[in-house]
């Protein structure tokens, strides 16, 4: 049996080193929303190398000549280009494509999407409501399943830890690398929530079993035993997911790269938080309760 809980303050320090920069970034700069949330037009074109500065400047000049407000111009692969613009009409896009083909004869439009600001705002509201309902559902279920609110609150705090890790890192990426969050990012967030709690429940269930078999034994000792018994299973389970996600990042398409990265960060954070965030919180809470009982006598 490994005395994991002996170093619980070290785990909190490690979490703080990851969380503080992300939370600071969220407060200062927030996330960089895509047109899914803000509303606007997305145009994707093939056979044009936007990563080349002279090509990007030519595309920008053509957009300005057409009176189109530019959000961003990004390369997608070697020969693809993504334009994020303020909302434009079909007629404006037709004229834009005509002007672009005069400059780049082989250019071809592969995607043209427009999202209104009302739809974007509605999506943002639904995302927030979905996250709140999921957290409340998880808190209620874990508290009921383990017949103790401490387990439910500890699991939710670990879940919030994982969400802040993912969102904080993407806030930093948005500020320094221009990475935008879209509907796929929302999917990654909700997936991270489920994975985080799933792993935590495995550890908590082993703690409950150990307490039933060994009543009266030191609580911290039982948590050490539970984490020792489940850590191998958690690592094996998570590594299979991590390897798959790494393969997708290295070999997958550009369009899913940031979605896969969000899942990868969430998976690593969720694997870490179950034994090293949720369980230490549970141990500290239990010690506080025991101390109060002792003082009350």
Protein backbone atom coordinates (compact mmCIF):
# COMPACT_ATOMS: atom_id res chain seq x y z
CA UNK A 1 0.00 0.00 0.00
CA UNK A 2 1.39 3.40 -1.05
CA UNK A 3 0.75 6.38 1.31
CA UNK A 4 -0.61 8.66 -1.42
CA UNK A 5 -2.50 10.95 0.96
CA UNK A 6 0.71 11.80 2.81
CA UNK A 7 1.54 14.13 -0.09
CA UNK A 8 -1.92 15.63 -0.63
CA UNK A 9 -0.65 19.23 -0.36
CA UNK A 10 1.87 18.50 -3.12
CA UNK A 11 -1.03 17.45 -5.38
CA UNK A 12 -2.85 20.71 -4.63
CA UNK A 13 0.34 22.65 -5.42
CA UNK A 14 0.65 20.90 -8.80
CA UNK A 15 -2.99 21.70 -9.57
CA UNK A 16 -2.45 25.32 -8.57
CA UNK A 17 0.51 25.67 -10.94
CA UNK A 18 -1.78 24.60 -13.80
CA UNK A 19 -4.95 26.38 -12.69
CA UNK A 20 -3.63 29.82 -11.73
CA UNK A 21 -2.30 30.83 -15.19
CA UNK A 22 -5.50 29.54 -16.82
CA UNK A 23 -7.84 31.30 -14.39
CA UNK A 24 -5.80 34.51 -14.75
CA UNK A 25 -6.14 34.23 -18.54
CA UNK A 26 -9.89 33.63 -18.25
CA UNK A 27 -10.33 36.73 -16.09
CA UNK A 28 -8.10 38.95 -18.23
CA UNK A 29 -8.85 37.74 -21.76
CA UNK A 30 -11.60 35.13 -21.59
CA UNK A 31 -12.11 32.61 -24.39
CA UNK A 32 -11.90 33.41 -28.10
CA UNK A 33 -15.36 32.44 -29.43
CA UNK A 34 -15.84 31.23 -32.98
CA UNK A 35 -18.72 32.35 -35.21
CA UNK A 36 -20.77 29.51 -33.70
CA UNK A 37 -21.22 31.83 -30.71
CA UNK A 38 -20.68 35.34 -32.05
CA UNK A 39 -22.45 35.05 -35.39
CA UNK A 40 -20.79 35.69 -38.74
CA UNK A 41 -19.70 33.96 -41.93
CA UNK A 42 -17.13 31.23 -42.42
CA UNK A 43 -15.66 30.57 -45.86
CA UNK A 44 -13.26 27.72 -46.52
CA UNK A 45 -11.32 27.63 -49.79
CA UNK A 46 -8.95 25.10 -51.34
CA UNK A 47 -5.91 25.57 -53.62
CA UNK A 48 -4.74 28.74 -51.90
CA UNK A 49 -1.79 28.92 -49.50
CA UNK A 50 -2.83 31.40 -46.81
CA UNK A 51 0.20 30.53 -44.67
CA UNK A 52 2.31 32.50 -47.15
CA UNK A 53 2.36 36.15 -46.04
CA UNK A 54 2.05 37.59 -49.54
CA UNK A 55 -1.00 35.40 -50.28
CA UNK A 56 -2.66 36.33 -46.99
CA UNK A 57 -2.12 40.05 -47.65
CA UNK A 58 -3.62 39.73 -51.14
CA UNK A 59 -6.71 37.95 -49.76
CA UNK A 60 -7.07 40.63 -47.06
CA UNK A 61 -6.81 43.41 -49.69
CA UNK A 62 -9.56 41.82 -51.81
CA UNK A 63 -11.82 41.54 -48.76
CA UNK A 64 -11.26 45.19 -47.91
CA UNK A 65 -12.02 46.22 -51.50
CA UNK A 66 -15.36 44.44 -51.18
CA UNK A 67 -16.12 46.27 -47.94
CA UNK A 68 -16.10 43.06 -45.88
CA UNK A 69 -15.11 43.19 -42.18
CA UNK A 70 -12.40 40.61 -41.51
CA UNK A 71 -12.40 38.45 -38.41
CA UNK A 72 -9.42 36.25 -39.18
CA UNK A 73 -7.63 34.54 -42.04
CA UNK A 74 -6.18 31.15 -41.15
CA UNK A 75 -4.49 28.37 -43.09
CA UNK A 76 -5.98 24.88 -42.90
CA UNK A 77 -3.42 22.39 -44.10
CA UNK A 78 -1.04 23.29 -46.90
CA UNK A 79 -3.51 24.41 -49.56
CA UNK A 80 -6.64 25.40 -47.66
CA UNK A 81 -7.66 28.77 -46.25
CA UNK A 82 -10.40 29.65 -43.74
CA UNK A 83 -11.91 33.14 -43.64
CA UNK A 84 -13.92 34.21 -40.60
CA UNK A 85 -15.89 37.33 -41.41
CA UNK A 86 -18.73 39.50 -40.27
CA UNK A 87 -22.01 38.30 -41.76
CA UNK A 88 -22.17 38.65 -45.56
CA UNK A 89 -24.89 37.79 -48.08
CA UNK A 90 -24.82 35.22 -50.90
CA UNK A 91 -24.50 38.08 -53.40
CA UNK A 92 -21.48 39.51 -51.56
CA UNK A 93 -19.89 36.07 -51.46
CA UNK A 94 -20.45 35.56 -55.19
CA UNK A 95 -18.68 38.85 -55.93
CA UNK A 96 -15.91 37.95 -53.49
CA UNK A 97 -15.30 34.58 -55.16
CA UNK A 98 -15.19 36.27 -58.57
CA UNK A 99 -12.53 38.73 -57.37
CA UNK A 100 -10.52 35.99 -55.66
CA UNK A 101 -10.49 33.86 -58.83
CA UNK A 102 -9.06 36.78 -60.79
CA UNK A 103 -6.07 36.73 -58.43
CA UNK A 104 -5.94 32.98 -57.70
CA UNK A 105 -7.18 31.08 -60.74
CA UNK A 106 -7.26 27.63 -59.10
CA UNK A 107 -9.09 28.74 -55.95
CA UNK A 108 -12.23 26.77 -55.07
CA UNK A 109 -14.82 27.43 -52.36
CA UNK A 110 -15.49 24.29 -50.29
CA UNK A 111 -17.63 25.73 -47.50
CA UNK A 112 -19.82 28.78 -46.92
CA UNK A 113 -21.65 29.04 -43.59
CA UNK A 114 -23.46 31.91 -41.90
CA UNK A 115 -24.57 31.93 -38.27
CA UNK A 116 -26.70 34.77 -36.95
CA UNK A 117 -25.86 36.37 -33.59
CA UNK A 118 -29.22 35.31 -32.14
CA UNK A 119 -28.49 31.63 -32.86
CA UNK A 120 -25.00 32.06 -31.43
CA UNK A 121 -26.36 33.57 -28.21
CA UNK A 122 -28.97 30.80 -27.92
CA UNK A 123 -26.25 28.16 -28.33
CA UNK A 124 -24.18 29.80 -25.60
CA UNK A 125 -27.15 29.84 -23.21
CA UNK A 126 -27.97 26.19 -23.91
CA UNK A 127 -24.32 25.22 -23.35
CA UNK A 128 -24.33 26.91 -19.94
CA UNK A 129 -27.64 25.33 -18.93
CA UNK A 130 -26.46 21.88 -20.06
CA UNK A 131 -23.28 22.19 -17.97
CA UNK A 132 -25.21 23.30 -14.85
CA UNK A 133 -27.75 20.49 -15.20
CA UNK A 134 -24.98 17.95 -15.66
CA UNK A 135 -23.16 19.16 -12.52
CA UNK A 136 -26.36 19.09 -10.44
CA UNK A 137 -27.23 15.63 -11.76
CA UNK A 138 -23.77 14.29 -10.96
CA UNK A 139 -23.81 15.82 -7.48
CA UNK A 140 -27.23 14.31 -6.72
CA UNK A 141 -26.39 10.89 -8.12
CA UNK A 142 -23.03 10.50 -6.37
CA UNK A 143 -24.43 11.78 -3.06
CA UNK A 144 -27.35 9.33 -3.32
CA UNK A 145 -25.23 6.38 -4.48
CA UNK A 146 -22.74 6.76 -1.62
CA UNK A 147 -25.32 7.97 0.92
CA UNK A 148 -22.99 10.86 1.84
CA UNK A 149 -22.93 14.42 0.50
CA UNK A 150 -19.14 14.57 1.04
CA UNK A 151 -18.59 12.14 -1.83
CA UNK A 152 -20.84 14.12 -4.15
CA UNK A 153 -19.25 17.50 -3.38
CA UNK A 154 -15.71 16.09 -3.66
CA UNK A 155 -16.52 14.58 -7.06
CA UNK A 156 -18.00 17.85 -8.31
CA UNK A 157 -15.00 19.86 -7.06
CA UNK A 158 -12.70 17.53 -8.99
CA UNK A 159 -14.96 17.98 -12.01
CA UNK A 160 -14.74 21.78 -11.71
CA UNK A 161 -10.95 21.39 -11.43
CA UNK A 162 -10.89 19.51 -14.77
CA UNK A 163 -13.15 22.05 -16.48
CA UNK A 164 -10.96 24.94 -15.33
CA UNK A 165 -7.85 23.14 -16.58
CA UNK A 166 -9.31 22.66 -20.07
CA UNK A 167 -10.98 26.07 -20.32
CA UNK A 168 -7.97 27.86 -18.83
CA UNK A 169 -5.52 26.28 -21.27
CA UNK A 170 -7.76 27.16 -24.21
CA UNK A 171 -8.02 30.72 -22.93
CA UNK A 172 -4.22 30.92 -23.05
CA UNK A 173 -4.17 29.32 -26.52
CA UNK A 174 -6.82 31.76 -27.68
CA UNK A 175 -4.86 34.78 -26.48
CA UNK A 176 -1.41 33.70 -27.67
CA UNK A 177 -2.24 31.44 -30.65
CA UNK A 178 -5.63 32.71 -31.81
CA UNK A 179 -7.36 29.37 -31.12
CA UNK A 180 -11.15 29.71 -31.15
CA UNK A 181 -13.71 27.64 -29.23
CA UNK A 182 -16.70 26.27 -31.13
CA UNK A 183 -19.46 23.68 -30.72
CA UNK A 184 -16.90 20.84 -30.82
CA UNK A 185 -15.20 22.42 -27.81
CA UNK A 186 -18.53 22.26 -25.96
CA UNK A 187 -18.71 18.55 -26.81
CA UNK A 188 -15.18 18.08 -25.43
CA UNK A 189 -16.12 19.90 -22.20
CA UNK A 190 -19.19 17.73 -21.58
CA UNK A 191 -17.16 14.59 -22.39
CA UNK A 192 -14.49 15.68 -19.90
CA UNK A 193 -17.16 16.06 -17.23
CA UNK A 194 -18.41 12.52 -17.71
CA UNK A 195 -14.90 11.02 -17.81
CA UNK A 196 -13.80 12.87 -14.68
CA UNK A 197 -16.71 11.63 -12.58
CA UNK A 198 -16.54 8.10 -14.02
CA UNK A 199 -12.97 7.66 -12.76
CA UNK A 200 -13.75 9.29 -9.41
CA UNK A 201 -16.65 6.93 -8.76
CA UNK A 202 -14.33 3.93 -9.21
CA UNK A 203 -11.99 5.23 -6.48
CA UNK A 204 -14.84 6.24 -4.17
CA UNK A 205 -16.54 2.86 -4.57
CA UNK A 206 -13.35 1.09 -3.50
CA UNK A 207 -13.11 3.42 -0.46
CA UNK A 208 -16.67 2.52 0.51
CA UNK A 209 -15.99 -1.21 0.17
CA UNK A 210 -12.84 -0.95 2.30
CA UNK A 211 -14.70 0.96 5.03
CA UNK A 212 -17.43 -1.70 5.11
CA UNK A 213 -14.91 -4.52 5.43
CA UNK A 214 -12.75 -2.68 7.96
CA UNK A 215 -15.01 -0.56 10.20
CA UNK A 216 -13.20 1.70 12.60
CA UNK A 217 -9.95 1.68 10.62
CA UNK A 218 -8.25 5.03 9.93
CA UNK A 219 -10.03 6.76 7.04
CA UNK A 220 -6.84 8.05 5.42
CA UNK A 221 -5.36 4.56 5.46
CA UNK A 222 -8.43 3.23 3.67
CA UNK A 223 -8.17 5.91 0.99
CA UNK A 224 -4.50 5.03 0.46
CA UNK A 225 -5.52 1.40 0.06
CA UNK A 226 -8.29 2.31 -2.39
CA UNK A 227 -6.07 4.55 -4.54
CA UNK A 228 -3.29 1.93 -4.57
CA UNK A 229 -5.73 -0.73 -5.76
CA UNK A 230 -7.32 1.41 -8.49
CA UNK A 231 -4.38 3.48 -9.79
CA UNK A 232 -3.19 0.76 -12.17
CA UNK A 233 -6.66 0.29 -13.62
CA UNK A 234 -7.11 4.05 -14.06
CA UNK A 235 -3.76 4.48 -15.81
CA UNK A 236 -4.32 1.54 -18.15
CA UNK A 237 -7.79 2.79 -19.05
CA UNK A 238 -6.60 6.37 -19.62
CA UNK A 239 -3.49 5.45 -21.60
CA UNK A 240 -5.57 3.62 -24.20
CA UNK A 241 -7.56 6.83 -24.70
CA UNK A 242 -4.46 9.05 -24.65
CA UNK A 243 -2.70 6.98 -27.34
CA UNK A 244 -5.77 7.12 -29.58
CA UNK A 245 -6.09 10.90 -29.14
CA UNK A 246 -2.37 11.43 -29.81
CA UNK A 247 -2.74 9.47 -33.04
CA UNK A 248 -5.66 11.70 -34.05
CA UNK A 249 -3.66 14.86 -33.28
CA UNK A 250 -0.66 13.66 -35.30
CA UNK A 251 -2.52 12.04 -38.20
CA UNK A 252 -6.04 13.51 -38.11
CA UNK A 253 -7.38 16.49 -40.01
CA UNK A 254 -6.80 20.11 -39.08
CA UNK A 255 -10.51 20.71 -38.47
CA UNK A 256 -10.62 18.35 -35.46
CA UNK A 257 -7.15 19.13 -34.04
CA UNK A 258 -8.29 21.50 -31.27
CA UNK A 259 -11.30 19.32 -30.42
CA UNK A 260 -8.99 16.32 -29.95
CA UNK A 261 -6.54 18.43 -27.93
CA UNK A 262 -9.37 19.48 -25.59
CA UNK A 263 -10.30 15.81 -25.11
CA UNK A 264 -6.66 14.91 -24.48
CA UNK A 265 -6.24 17.62 -21.82
CA UNK A 266 -9.55 16.61 -20.22
CA UNK A 267 -8.55 12.93 -20.16
CA UNK A 268 -5.18 13.62 -18.52
CA UNK A 269 -6.70 16.04 -16.01
CA UNK A 270 -9.57 13.66 -15.23
CA UNK A 271 -7.17 10.78 -14.61
CA UNK A 272 -5.12 12.98 -12.27
CA UNK A 273 -8.01 14.60 -10.40
CA UNK A 274 -9.77 11.43 -9.30
CA UNK A 275 -7.04 10.13 -6.96
CA UNK A 276 -5.15 13.39 -6.40
CA UNK A 277 -7.88 16.04 -6.12
CA UNK A 278 -11.22 14.41 -5.26
CA UNK A 279 -9.79 11.90 -2.79
CA UNK A 280 -7.58 14.39 -0.86
CA UNK A 281 -10.57 16.75 -0.56
CA UNK A 282 -12.58 13.85 0.88
CA UNK A 283 -9.78 13.03 3.35
CA UNK A 284 -9.42 16.64 4.52
CA UNK A 285 -13.20 16.97 4.93
CA UNK A 286 -13.32 13.76 6.97
CA UNK A 287 -10.47 14.95 9.21
CA UNK A 288 -12.24 18.24 9.85
CA UNK A 289 -15.42 16.38 10.85
CA UNK A 290 -13.51 14.03 13.14
CA UNK A 291 -11.72 16.97 14.77
CA UNK A 292 -15.04 18.74 15.42
CA UNK A 293 -16.47 15.58 17.00
CA UNK A 294 -13.41 15.23 19.23
CA UNK A 295 -13.62 18.86 20.33
CA UNK A 296 -17.36 18.49 20.97
CA UNK A 297 -16.79 15.73 23.50
